[in-house]
Amino acid sequence: MKKGICLGSVPGNDDEEKFANAARYGFEGVEVGTLRDPAGRQAHKELSARHGVAVFSVMNSDHWKYPLSDPDPAVRERSLEGVAASIETAAALGGDTVLIVPAVVKPDVPYEAAQERSVESIRKVLPLAEEKGIVLAVENVWNKFLLGPIEFAAYVDAFESPYLRAYFDVGNIVAYGYPAHWVRTLGDRIAKVHVKGFDAKRHAFVQLLEGTIDWPGVMAALQAIGYEDYVTAELGPAGDDPIRGFERISSEMDQILAMV
């Protein structure tokens, strides 16, 4: 498996310094946010090449503010524009995945409506993803949607496309499930993996090796399904010294990856 990190989690005063620090601490790749400006995409591409750090994934920027499940069609179209920009970003930078939040259940957005609008919206943009060779990876987040691994697997399967898969976040599951169970159920539907620490007793996100996550069990499950792609840290450095905190993230990532 490969060692990755979200670019926003890397300390640095600018993108140059962030890419340099990612390389210095042994990260093979980074996940970036949506870049709409061609010049910004080109700059990231050059930084990636210069520092030998791949840009493997794009985290779509608009799916919370403009949910794919919103009652307003104009909002859903705005969301789809963001997904399309994320696909174009990934294609320009040599990535292969775009992370999306598929729906947000709210008091005025019932579960059934969220699913219907979500599927309808994703089907509109999926042809672009297929054309560009980019996987749309649906993440499990605290959005009150896709609350069990069997349901999550069925949602992915319903699209009948290799370009619609799952982005599995280990830390996000711990509040209401066991990550290793989800990994084994989702199997090869998993395109990418996020990691962060979580303490179920305190219901709080923590540093990677704090908390209650059974990391040996998670890594054994990932190995059992044949997962070999990026395991990506999605958390910021703790403490007053960003570099020291980042060293800790890097070291704990190495320990987790060594459990396979």
C-alpha atoms as a PDB file:
ATOM      1  CA  MET A   1       0.000   0.000   0.000  1.00  0.00           C
ATOM      2  CA  LYS A   2       1.072   3.562  -0.656  1.00  0.00           C
ATOM      3  CA  LYS A   3       1.593   6.393   1.836  1.00  0.00           C
ATOM      4  CA  GLY A   4      -0.522   9.442   1.031  1.00  0.00           C
ATOM      5  CA  ILE A   5      -1.737  12.623   2.680  1.00  0.00           C
ATOM      6  CA  CYS A   6      -4.159  15.449   1.980  1.00  0.00           C
ATOM      7  CA  LEU A   7      -2.165  18.461   0.822  1.00  0.00           C
ATOM      8  CA  GLY A   8      -4.081  20.663   3.250  1.00  0.00           C
ATOM      9  CA  SER A   9      -2.731  18.562   6.129  1.00  0.00           C
ATOM     10  CA  VAL A  10       0.883  19.297   5.193  1.00  0.00           C
ATOM     11  CA  PRO A  11       2.573  22.257   6.936  1.00  0.00           C
ATOM     12  CA  GLY A  12       4.007  24.962   4.726  1.00  0.00           C
ATOM     13  CA  ASN A  13       3.572  28.616   3.817  1.00  0.00           C
ATOM     14  CA  ASP A  14       2.739  27.814   0.198  1.00  0.00           C
ATOM     15  CA  ASP A  15       2.192  24.851  -2.109  1.00  0.00           C
ATOM     16  CA  GLU A  16       5.901  24.636  -2.937  1.00  0.00           C
ATOM     17  CA  GLU A  17       6.767  24.140   0.708  1.00  0.00           C
ATOM     18  CA  LYS A  18       3.902  21.701   1.211  1.00  0.00           C
ATOM     19  CA  PHE A  19       5.021  19.477  -1.663  1.00  0.00           C
ATOM     20  CA  ALA A  20       8.604  19.661  -0.398  1.00  0.00           C
ATOM     21  CA  ASN A  21       7.566  18.621   3.107  1.00  0.00           C
ATOM     22  CA  ALA A  22       5.421  15.780   1.776  1.00  0.00           C
ATOM     23  CA  ALA A  23       8.425  14.463  -0.134  1.00  0.00           C
ATOM     24  CA  ARG A  24      10.809  15.001   2.788  1.00  0.00           C
ATOM     25  CA  TYR A  25       8.697  12.834   5.078  1.00  0.00           C
ATOM     26  CA  GLY A  26       8.239  10.001   2.655  1.00  0.00           C
ATOM     27  CA  PHE A  27       4.734  10.557   1.308  1.00  0.00           C
ATOM     28  CA  GLU A  28       4.382   9.085  -2.158  1.00  0.00           C
ATOM     29  CA  GLY A  29       1.385  11.176  -3.116  1.00  0.00           C
ATOM     30  CA  VAL A  30      -1.042  13.901  -2.104  1.00  0.00           C
ATOM     31  CA  GLU A  31      -4.753  14.536  -2.465  1.00  0.00           C
ATOM     32  CA  VAL A  32      -5.672  18.076  -3.486  1.00  0.00           C
ATOM     33  CA  GLY A  33      -8.866  20.120  -3.612  1.00  0.00           C
ATOM     34  CA  THR A  34     -10.701  21.185  -6.760  1.00  0.00           C
ATOM     35  CA  LEU A  35      -8.664  23.539  -8.947  1.00  0.00           C
ATOM     36  CA  ARG A  36     -10.724  25.517 -11.456  1.00  0.00           C
ATOM     37  CA  ASP A  37      -7.911  27.669 -12.830  1.00  0.00           C
ATOM     38  CA  PRO A  38      -5.815  26.000 -15.573  1.00  0.00           C
ATOM     39  CA  ALA A  39      -2.791  27.914 -14.328  1.00  0.00           C
ATOM     40  CA  GLY A  40      -3.268  26.471 -10.854  1.00  0.00           C
ATOM     41  CA  ARG A  41      -3.524  22.975 -12.274  1.00  0.00           C
ATOM     42  CA  GLN A  42      -0.338  23.480 -14.251  1.00  0.00           C
ATOM     43  CA  ALA A  43       1.475  24.826 -11.191  1.00  0.00           C
ATOM     44  CA  HIS A  44       0.477  21.768  -9.147  1.00  0.00           C
ATOM     45  CA  LYS A  45       1.532  19.474 -11.975  1.00  0.00           C
ATOM     46  CA  GLU A  46       4.963  21.102 -12.039  1.00  0.00           C
ATOM     47  CA  LEU A  47       5.308  20.868  -8.244  1.00  0.00           C
ATOM     48  CA  SER A  48       4.348  17.220  -8.388  1.00  0.00           C
ATOM     49  CA  ALA A  49       7.031  16.485 -10.963  1.00  0.00           C
ATOM     50  CA  ARG A  50       9.683  18.604  -9.261  1.00  0.00           C
ATOM     51  CA  HIS A  51       9.288  16.956  -5.867  1.00  0.00           C
ATOM     52  CA  GLY A  52       8.446  13.447  -7.030  1.00  0.00           C
ATOM     53  CA  VAL A  53       5.106  13.436  -5.213  1.00  0.00           C
ATOM     54  CA  ALA A  54       2.121  12.198  -7.203  1.00  0.00           C
ATOM     55  CA  VAL A  55      -1.277  13.899  -7.162  1.00  0.00           C
ATOM     56  CA  PHE A  56      -3.429  10.783  -7.090  1.00  0.00           C
ATOM     57  CA  SER A  57      -6.827  12.128  -6.035  1.00  0.00           C
ATOM     58  CA  VAL A  58      -8.986  15.252  -5.876  1.00  0.00           C
ATOM     59  CA  MET A  59     -11.354  15.989  -3.012  1.00  0.00           C
ATOM     60  CA  ASN A  60     -14.361  17.689  -4.549  1.00  0.00           C
ATOM     61  CA  SER A  61     -14.883  21.097  -2.921  1.00  0.00           C
ATOM     62  CA  ASP A  62     -18.588  21.812  -3.426  1.00  0.00           C
ATOM     63  CA  HIS A  63     -20.579  18.801  -2.247  1.00  0.00           C
ATOM     64  CA  TRP A  64     -21.309  20.155   1.253  1.00  0.00           C
ATOM     65  CA  LYS A  65     -22.242  23.704   0.291  1.00  0.00           C
ATOM     66  CA  TYR A  66     -24.092  22.513  -2.817  1.00  0.00           C
ATOM     67  CA  PRO A  67     -25.265  18.946  -2.120  1.00  0.00           C
ATOM     68  CA  LEU A  68     -26.037  16.589  -4.967  1.00  0.00           C
ATOM     69  CA  SER A  69     -29.253  15.799  -3.081  1.00  0.00           C
ATOM     70  CA  ASP A  70     -30.494  19.371  -2.618  1.00  0.00           C
ATOM     71  CA  PRO A  71     -34.210  20.000  -3.342  1.00  0.00           C
ATOM     72  CA  ASP A  72     -33.303  22.897  -5.646  1.00  0.00           C
ATOM     73  CA  PRO A  73     -32.286  21.717  -9.152  1.00  0.00           C
ATOM     74  CA  ALA A  74     -30.111  24.826  -9.540  1.00  0.00           C
ATOM     75  CA  VAL A  75     -28.107  23.844  -6.459  1.00  0.00           C
ATOM     76  CA  ARG A  76     -27.655  20.319  -7.794  1.00  0.00           C
ATOM     77  CA  GLU A  77     -26.431  21.731 -11.107  1.00  0.00           C
ATOM     78  CA  ARG A  78     -23.961  23.928  -9.234  1.00  0.00           C
ATOM     79  CA  SER A  79     -22.755  20.826  -7.422  1.00  0.00           C
ATOM     80  CA  LEU A  80     -22.345  18.940 -10.688  1.00  0.00           C
ATOM     81  CA  GLU A  81     -20.265  21.799 -12.083  1.00  0.00           C
ATOM     82  CA  GLY A  82     -17.947  21.326  -9.121  1.00  0.00           C
ATOM     83  CA  VAL A  83     -17.687  17.584  -9.690  1.00  0.00           C
ATOM     84  CA  ALA A  84     -16.909  18.190 -13.351  1.00  0.00           C
ATOM     85  CA  ALA A  85     -14.164  20.661 -12.367  1.00  0.00           C
ATOM     86  CA  SER A  86     -12.769  18.060  -9.967  1.00  0.00           C
ATOM     87  CA  ILE A  87     -12.708  15.456 -12.738  1.00  0.00           C
ATOM     88  CA  GLU A  88     -10.878  17.888 -15.009  1.00  0.00           C
ATOM     89  CA  THR A  89      -8.438  18.667 -12.196  1.00  0.00           C
ATOM     90  CA  ALA A  90      -7.652  14.992 -11.637  1.00  0.00           C
ATOM     91  CA  ALA A  91      -7.188  14.379 -15.350  1.00  0.00           C
ATOM     92  CA  ALA A  92      -4.857  17.368 -15.701  1.00  0.00           C
ATOM     93  CA  LEU A  93      -2.695  16.309 -12.752  1.00  0.00           C
ATOM     94  CA  GLY A  94      -2.454  12.617 -13.552  1.00  0.00           C
ATOM     95  CA  GLY A  95      -4.789  11.500 -10.772  1.00  0.00           C
ATOM     96  CA  ASP A  96      -7.302   8.707 -11.080  1.00  0.00           C
ATOM     97  CA  THR A  97      -9.937   9.462  -8.417  1.00  0.00           C
ATOM     98  CA  VAL A  98     -12.354  12.190  -7.324  1.00  0.00           C
ATOM     99  CA  LEU A  99     -13.848  11.990  -3.844  1.00  0.00           C
ATOM    100  CA  ILE A 100     -17.514  12.965  -3.654  1.00  0.00           C
ATOM    101  CA  VAL A 101     -20.124  13.152  -0.911  1.00  0.00           C
ATOM    102  CA  PRO A 102     -23.153  11.589  -2.613  1.00  0.00           C
ATOM    103  CA  ALA A 103     -25.950  13.134  -0.547  1.00  0.00           C
ATOM    104  CA  VAL A 104     -26.764  14.978   2.671  1.00  0.00           C
ATOM    105  CA  VAL A 105     -29.918  13.938   4.544  1.00  0.00           C
ATOM    106  CA  LYS A 106     -31.530  16.940   6.298  1.00  0.00           C
ATOM    107  CA  PRO A 107     -34.882  17.752   7.900  1.00  0.00           C
ATOM    108  CA  ASP A 108     -36.141  18.905   4.502  1.00  0.00           C
ATOM    109  CA  VAL A 109     -34.311  16.132   2.583  1.00  0.00           C
ATOM    110  CA  PRO A 110     -35.742  12.698   3.459  1.00  0.00           C
ATOM    111  CA  TYR A 111     -33.569   9.648   3.011  1.00  0.00           C
ATOM    112  CA  GLU A 112     -35.452   8.361  -0.030  1.00  0.00           C
ATOM    113  CA  ALA A 113     -35.337  11.751  -1.758  1.00  0.00           C
ATOM    114  CA  ALA A 114     -31.620  12.064  -0.996  1.00  0.00           C
ATOM    115  CA  GLN A 115     -30.934   8.729  -2.635  1.00  0.00           C
ATOM    116  CA  GLU A 116     -33.070   9.437  -5.691  1.00  0.00           C
ATOM    117  CA  ARG A 117     -31.510  12.850  -6.326  1.00  0.00           C
ATOM    118  CA  SER A 118     -28.032  11.567  -5.573  1.00  0.00           C
ATOM    119  CA  VAL A 119     -28.268   8.747  -8.094  1.00  0.00           C
ATOM    120  CA  GLU A 120     -29.845  10.995 -10.706  1.00  0.00           C
ATOM    121  CA  SER A 121     -27.140  13.641 -10.239  1.00  0.00           C
ATOM    122  CA  ILE A 122     -24.220  11.227 -10.352  1.00  0.00           C
ATOM    123  CA  ARG A 123     -25.563   9.542 -13.487  1.00  0.00           C
ATOM    124  CA  LYS A 124     -25.389  12.937 -15.219  1.00  0.00           C
ATOM    125  CA  VAL A 125     -21.668  13.411 -14.553  1.00  0.00           C
ATOM    126  CA  LEU A 126     -20.540   9.774 -14.659  1.00  0.00           C
ATOM    127  CA  PRO A 127     -20.089   9.805 -18.479  1.00  0.00           C
ATOM    128  CA  LEU A 128     -17.496  12.589 -18.114  1.00  0.00           C
ATOM    129  CA  ALA A 129     -15.646  10.558 -15.483  1.00  0.00           C
ATOM    130  CA  GLU A 130     -15.678   7.521 -17.771  1.00  0.00           C
ATOM    131  CA  GLU A 131     -14.455   9.625 -20.717  1.00  0.00           C
ATOM    132  CA  LYS A 132     -11.549  11.002 -18.664  1.00  0.00           C
ATOM    133  CA  GLY A 133     -10.752   7.679 -16.975  1.00  0.00           C
ATOM    134  CA  ILE A 134     -11.423   9.095 -13.513  1.00  0.00           C
ATOM    135  CA  VAL A 135     -13.153   7.137 -10.750  1.00  0.00           C
ATOM    136  CA  LEU A 136     -15.866   8.921  -8.763  1.00  0.00           C
ATOM    137  CA  ALA A 137     -15.381   7.569  -5.253  1.00  0.00           C
ATOM    138  CA  VAL A 138     -18.278   7.996  -2.817  1.00  0.00           C
ATOM    139  CA  GLU A 139     -17.073   8.580   0.738  1.00  0.00           C
ATOM    140  CA  ASN A 140     -18.712   7.488   3.971  1.00  0.00           C
ATOM    141  CA  VAL A 141     -19.097  10.694   5.981  1.00  0.00           C
ATOM    142  CA  TRP A 142     -21.355  12.004   8.714  1.00  0.00           C
ATOM    143  CA  ASN A 143     -24.137  12.876   6.267  1.00  0.00           C
ATOM    144  CA  LYS A 144     -26.816  10.502   7.644  1.00  0.00           C
ATOM    145  CA  PHE A 145     -26.674   8.516   4.404  1.00  0.00           C
ATOM    146  CA  LEU A 146     -25.388   5.029   3.490  1.00  0.00           C
ATOM    147  CA  LEU A 147     -25.245   4.023   7.143  1.00  0.00           C
ATOM    148  CA  GLY A 148     -24.356   0.349   6.726  1.00  0.00           C
ATOM    149  CA  PRO A 149     -21.783  -1.538   4.648  1.00  0.00           C
ATOM    150  CA  ILE A 150     -24.344  -3.719   2.857  1.00  0.00           C
ATOM    151  CA  GLU A 151     -26.339  -0.650   1.827  1.00  0.00           C
ATOM    152  CA  PHE A 152     -23.153   1.125   0.758  1.00  0.00           C
ATOM    153  CA  ALA A 153     -22.130  -1.844  -1.409  1.00  0.00           C
ATOM    154  CA  ALA A 154     -25.584  -2.014  -3.016  1.00  0.00           C
ATOM    155  CA  TYR A 155     -25.498   1.725  -3.766  1.00  0.00           C
ATOM    156  CA  VAL A 156     -22.167   1.376  -5.579  1.00  0.00           C
ATOM    157  CA  ASP A 157     -23.265  -1.739  -7.462  1.00  0.00           C
ATOM    158  CA  ALA A 158     -26.445  -0.071  -8.728  1.00  0.00           C
ATOM    159  CA  PHE A 159     -24.421   2.171 -11.054  1.00  0.00           C
ATOM    160  CA  GLU A 160     -22.909  -0.852 -12.812  1.00  0.00           C
ATOM    161  CA  SER A 161     -19.780   1.149 -13.672  1.00  0.00           C
ATOM    162  CA  PRO A 162     -16.111   0.623 -12.767  1.00  0.00           C
ATOM    163  CA  TYR A 163     -15.916   4.405 -12.530  1.00  0.00           C
ATOM    164  CA  LEU A 164     -18.237   4.643  -9.519  1.00  0.00           C
ATOM    165  CA  ARG A 165     -16.642   3.134  -6.431  1.00  0.00           C
ATOM    166  CA  ALA A 166     -16.193   3.724  -2.701  1.00  0.00           C
ATOM    167  CA  TYR A 167     -13.791   6.000  -0.834  1.00  0.00           C
ATOM    168  CA  PHE A 168     -13.532   4.347   2.557  1.00  0.00           C
ATOM    169  CA  ASP A 169     -12.752   6.538   5.579  1.00  0.00           C
ATOM    170  CA  VAL A 170     -11.632   4.438   8.538  1.00  0.00           C
ATOM    171  CA  GLY A 171     -12.056   7.115  11.208  1.00  0.00           C
ATOM    172  CA  ASN A 172     -15.531   8.145  10.095  1.00  0.00           C
ATOM    173  CA  ILE A 173     -16.946   4.661  10.731  1.00  0.00           C
ATOM    174  CA  VAL A 174     -15.807   4.111  14.299  1.00  0.00           C
ATOM    175  CA  ALA A 175     -18.708   6.055  15.830  1.00  0.00           C
ATOM    176  CA  TYR A 176     -21.232   3.484  14.615  1.00  0.00           C
ATOM    177  CA  GLY A 177     -19.411   0.455  13.210  1.00  0.00           C
ATOM    178  CA  TYR A 178     -16.245  -1.593  12.904  1.00  0.00           C
ATOM    179  CA  PRO A 179     -13.932  -0.500  10.069  1.00  0.00           C
ATOM    180  CA  ALA A 180     -12.634  -3.991   9.313  1.00  0.00           C
ATOM    181  CA  HIS A 181     -16.204  -5.247   8.809  1.00  0.00           C
ATOM    182  CA  TRP A 182     -16.878  -2.480   6.292  1.00  0.00           C
ATOM    183  CA  VAL A 183     -13.638  -3.163   4.435  1.00  0.00           C
ATOM    184  CA  ARG A 184     -14.444  -6.835   3.987  1.00  0.00           C
ATOM    185  CA  THR A 185     -18.010  -6.110   2.855  1.00  0.00           C
ATOM    186  CA  LEU A 186     -17.023  -3.391   0.388  1.00  0.00           C
ATOM    187  CA  GLY A 187     -14.095  -5.425  -0.925  1.00  0.00           C
ATOM    188  CA  ASP A 188     -12.815  -4.399  -4.325  1.00  0.00           C
ATOM    189  CA  ARG A 189     -15.370  -1.609  -4.525  1.00  0.00           C
ATOM    190  CA  ILE A 190     -12.895   0.448  -2.463  1.00  0.00           C
ATOM    191  CA  ALA A 191     -10.917   2.823  -4.677  1.00  0.00           C
ATOM    192  CA  LYS A 192      -9.106   4.803  -1.986  1.00  0.00           C
ATOM    193  CA  VAL A 193      -8.777   4.896   1.819  1.00  0.00           C
ATOM    194  CA  HIS A 194      -8.663   7.811   4.267  1.00  0.00           C
ATOM    195  CA  VAL A 195      -7.261   7.407   7.768  1.00  0.00           C
ATOM    196  CA  LYS A 196      -7.542   9.506  10.903  1.00  0.00           C
ATOM    197  CA  GLY A 197      -7.701   8.611  14.572  1.00  0.00           C
ATOM    198  CA  PHE A 198     -10.990   8.337  16.457  1.00  0.00           C
ATOM    199  CA  ASP A 199     -11.799   7.627  20.092  1.00  0.00           C
ATOM    200  CA  ALA A 200     -15.220   5.973  20.347  1.00  0.00           C
ATOM    201  CA  LYS A 201     -15.289   6.437  24.119  1.00  0.00           C
ATOM    202  CA  ARG A 202     -14.990  10.223  23.820  1.00  0.00           C
ATOM    203  CA  HIS A 203     -16.623  10.440  20.382  1.00  0.00           C
ATOM    204  CA  ALA A 204     -13.711  12.545  19.192  1.00  0.00           C
ATOM    205  CA  PHE A 205     -11.180  12.602  16.382  1.00  0.00           C
ATOM    206  CA  VAL A 206      -7.641  12.154  17.660  1.00  0.00           C
ATOM    207  CA  GLN A 207      -4.172  11.478  16.313  1.00  0.00           C
ATOM    208  CA  LEU A 208      -3.702   8.274  14.337  1.00  0.00           C
ATOM    209  CA  LEU A 209      -2.496   5.878  17.022  1.00  0.00           C
ATOM    210  CA  GLU A 210      -4.611   7.339  19.798  1.00  0.00           C
ATOM    211  CA  GLY A 211      -8.217   6.342  20.247  1.00  0.00           C
ATOM    212  CA  THR A 212      -9.933   3.016  19.761  1.00  0.00           C
ATOM    213  CA  ILE A 213      -9.244   1.987  16.159  1.00  0.00           C
ATOM    214  CA  ASP A 214      -8.033  -1.598  15.737  1.00  0.00           C
ATOM    215  CA  TRP A 215      -5.351  -0.760  13.199  1.00  0.00           C
ATOM    216  CA  PRO A 216      -3.955  -4.314  12.886  1.00  0.00           C
ATOM    217  CA  GLY A 217      -7.491  -5.521  12.151  1.00  0.00           C
ATOM    218  CA  VAL A 218      -8.076  -2.762   9.588  1.00  0.00           C
ATOM    219  CA  MET A 219      -4.822  -3.443   7.778  1.00  0.00           C
ATOM    220  CA  ALA A 220      -5.433  -7.191   7.814  1.00  0.00           C
ATOM    221  CA  ALA A 221      -8.841  -6.594   6.231  1.00  0.00           C
ATOM    222  CA  LEU A 222      -7.365  -4.335   3.543  1.00  0.00           C
ATOM    223  CA  GLN A 223      -4.723  -6.933   2.800  1.00  0.00           C
ATOM    224  CA  ALA A 224      -7.387  -9.664   2.648  1.00  0.00           C
ATOM    225  CA  ILE A 225      -9.315  -7.837  -0.082  1.00  0.00           C
ATOM    226  CA  GLY A 226      -6.135  -7.213  -2.070  1.00  0.00           C
ATOM    227  CA  TYR A 227      -6.081  -3.450  -1.572  1.00  0.00           C
ATOM    228  CA  GLU A 228      -2.775  -1.967  -2.774  1.00  0.00           C
ATOM    229  CA  ASP A 229      -3.597   1.689  -3.424  1.00  0.00           C
ATOM    230  CA  TYR A 230      -3.134   4.824  -1.304  1.00  0.00           C
ATOM    231  CA  VAL A 231      -3.821   4.994   2.411  1.00  0.00           C
ATOM    232  CA  THR A 232      -4.201   8.727   2.949  1.00  0.00           C
ATOM    233  CA  ALA A 233      -3.864  10.655   6.204  1.00  0.00           C
ATOM    234  CA  GLU A 234      -6.599  13.259   6.626  1.00  0.00           C
ATOM    235  CA  LEU A 235      -5.652  15.111   9.794  1.00  0.00           C
ATOM    236  CA  GLY A 236      -3.528  18.075  10.750  1.00  0.00           C
ATOM    237  CA  PRO A 237      -0.409  18.151  12.926  1.00  0.00           C
ATOM    238  CA  ALA A 238      -1.084  18.339  16.656  1.00  0.00           C
ATOM    239  CA  GLY A 239       0.686  20.718  19.040  1.00  0.00           C
ATOM    240  CA  ASP A 240       2.344  24.090  18.659  1.00  0.00           C
ATOM    241  CA  ASP A 241       5.134  22.904  16.359  1.00  0.00           C
ATOM    242  CA  PRO A 242       3.668  22.036  12.924  1.00  0.00           C
ATOM    243  CA  ILE A 243       6.776  20.236  11.689  1.00  0.00           C
ATOM    244  CA  ARG A 244       7.102  18.120  14.811  1.00  0.00           C
ATOM    245  CA  GLY A 245       3.409  17.309  14.604  1.00  0.00           C
ATOM    246  CA  PHE A 246       3.816  16.371  10.943  1.00  0.00           C
ATOM    247  CA  GLU A 247       6.763  14.128  11.806  1.00  0.00           C
ATOM    248  CA  ARG A 248       4.429  12.321  14.178  1.00  0.00           C
ATOM    249  CA  ILE A 249       1.813  11.813  11.455  1.00  0.00           C
ATOM    250  CA  SER A 250       4.479  10.466   9.110  1.00  0.00           C
ATOM    251  CA  SER A 251       5.891   8.132  11.751  1.00  0.00           C
ATOM    252  CA  GLU A 252       2.461   6.806  12.735  1.00  0.00           C
ATOM    253  CA  MET A 253       1.553   6.288   9.083  1.00  0.00           C
ATOM    254  CA  ASP A 254       4.726   4.224   8.700  1.00  0.00           C
ATOM    255  CA  GLN A 255       3.763   2.135  11.714  1.00  0.00           C
ATOM    256  CA  ILE A 256       0.252   1.528  10.376  1.00  0.00           C
ATOM    257  CA  LEU A 257       1.477   0.574   6.903  1.00  0.00           C
ATOM    258  CA  ALA A 258       4.020  -1.801   8.456  1.00  0.00           C
ATOM    259  CA  MET A 259       1.169  -3.807  10.037  1.00  0.00           C
ATOM    260  CA  VAL A 260       0.413  -5.621   6.763  1.00  0.00           C
END
